[in-house]
Amino acid sequence: MIRRQEYMRVMVATLVPMLLSACAMAEQYRWSGVERIVALSDPHGAYTALMKTLGNAGLVDAQGGWSGDSTHLVITGDLLDRGPDSRKIMDLVMRLEEEAVRAGGMVHLTLGNHEVMNLVGDLRYVSRSEYAVFAAEESGEERERWYQKYREQENLRSDVRLNELALRKAFEKSRPPGFFAHRQAFGSEGKYGRWLLQKPVLVVVNETAFVHGGLPPIVGELGLDDLNDQLRAEVSDYVRQAEVLIGYGLISPGASFYDHVELATSILSDDSIADDAKVALQKLIELNDARVHDSGSPLWYRGTVGCGALTEGDVIANAFGAIDAWRVVIGHTPTVTRQVLQKFDGQVIEIDTGMLNASYQGSGNALVIEGDTLSVINEAEPASVSPVSHPRRVGARDGALTAESLEHILAGADIVSSRTDKTERQIVELSRDGVMFSALFTPAPRSKKVNTELAAYRLDRLLGLDMVPVTVAREVDGKAGTLQFLPKNSRDEAFRTSSGLGGSAWCPLQRQWNSMYVFDALIHNEVRAANSMVYSPENWQLLLMGHSSAFGSKKDRPKHLSNVELQLTGTWLDALTALSDDVLAENLGDVLDKRRLSALGKRRDLLLREVEKLN
């Protein structure tokens, strides 16, 4: 029987760590009443640009000390990778955290995907210069020990004895000087690993959310506290299980995150390994597929940027409801204009402006929020400007070319050539100021009162669908018709299906297809051929082309959609409700006759009834 004193000693030893752990997890993720917020994102080792930006925003003085008083600085991740000065930036942020608190302010760092990549061993973007700053903390004996381990493993994999010189060269290339000290520093007890493992994924300040990638469905599912607690735990657990296995010599610090599952699976069948090592192997396999690493993680998600309002609106609304916010500030995806952009009526602010110029050809920009006022300060000067509206960008094109500019080009640029492609489409090449553009030519229908291609484009603009490329009326080779913008290197649905590509789409393909189905039901598009579903491979944005079989006089769905379950969201309800008969007549009356306009209105009403049943 345990004596009372011994019992109490055991209970204290058991419960205190548990209580401390519980307290540590009860983190604060929300702040209110903050008078001034400054936000920036994705320095990627660009220390000089970051310091200039912070200085112009009034947050650091000439000596680099905190001068922001009670300001809250929010950095939405990706301090690391690609640039040479990642370590200097981490040291700076760690110091500013302490100085800001003493002055009554605060520094918030939310995790970016590159912070997590460094923690779990996904080192694809760590530059040699980033490793080099750790070289002084790494002994020759340590490097030799890991080389011998590497040599042993490589020889075991090969049927013939490998060349010693080639082995050494490969080792030095994949694990340059500083590599092992870098890995130790990002461990759970390392200076930077310990610090980063304490950081949140998402914070809310004054009802504005700050997160690295975006607001995927998981945010609406879990809410603020559970989202942070769960995803942080997944990263922390992964790091610790990997450390157990490295300690046993079962995996190397140089093993890639993407090789961990294969390595762990191959080792797991060895009965001679310790029980706790087996547990670590199994957990590592499970955690490798954790939600924090998924494309639907707030660290990796690009749907907030890549989807249109009709496709993404309800996802964002659900997230806002779950975290009690009405606006989100995100990084991760460099803006197309390298300016701070806003979309969805200011609900989404994009602040990754490509600060690391060598990689992204951008500059440092800080978003400043003071009450209801938003302004932007650049690294070059302290004068502020306003955020710019996110341009309608249906299809990749060079620079920041707007839809209106593209309309002007298609209507007036010189036609250089015209050809028929293998799917019998007529492709026209145009030139403006030495820049080439491609467009799809569709001859005009016989009736002068009907132009279904222009009707589809205008209706897309009215809905805010952002899936039909810029379309204009124009004659080609003496024939009246329309030209529709065709992005460079675009691929159709037949290519996507045969290649199996598209899984990396910024806006999830299933959601894009649903928006296409709803649009085709609205316009009664009887034929949606593979060559009328075109993608921009840079982000797998779906473009809808060729609508000569649409806008008939039937009032029901086209046959191919009769049994398709449409996901009709509240966002669609708002968009369809705004399409009054007067709006349709005003905007489409010159390209659709009265009979077709009337049928369009009837189909709108049919969809509205379906939406109301679902919501």
Foldseek 3Di string as FASTA:
>chain_A
DDDPVRVVVVCCVPVVVVVVVVVLLPDAFEAEPQQKEKEFEALAQVVLQVQLQCVLVQQADPVLAGRPQAYEYEYAENLHFQHQHSVVVVVSLVRNQVRNVVSNHHYAYAYAPVLLQLLQFACPGHDPSNLVVQLVVDDPVNLVVVLVLQLVVVCVVDPDRDDPVVSVVVSCVLQPRNNVSSSQLLACPHVSVVVNLSHFQWHYYNQEIEHAADQFLVLLVQFDSRLRSVLSVLSNLLRVLVVVCVVVVQDPSSDHLVCLLVSLVVCLVDPPDDPVNNVSSVSNNVSSPDPCPDCRHSNNALQVPQAWCQLCVVSVVSNCVRHVHQAYEYEDDAALQLFWEAEPVRRYIYRHSPCPCVVRVHHTKMWMDRPPDIWIATSVHSDIHHHHYRALDQADDPGRQHLVNVLVCQADFAWDDWDADPVRWIKIWGDDPRDIFIWTWDFADPDQQAAQLVLLVLLCVLLRRSAAARKDWDDDPNTTTITGTDYPPKDWQVVCVVVVDDPQASNHPVSQVLSVQLSCQLFQQQDQDRRQFIADVVRRRTHGDDRPRTLDLDQGHHPVCPPPDHDREPSNLVSLVVCDLVNCCVRCVRHDPPSSSVSSNSSSVVVNVVHVVVD
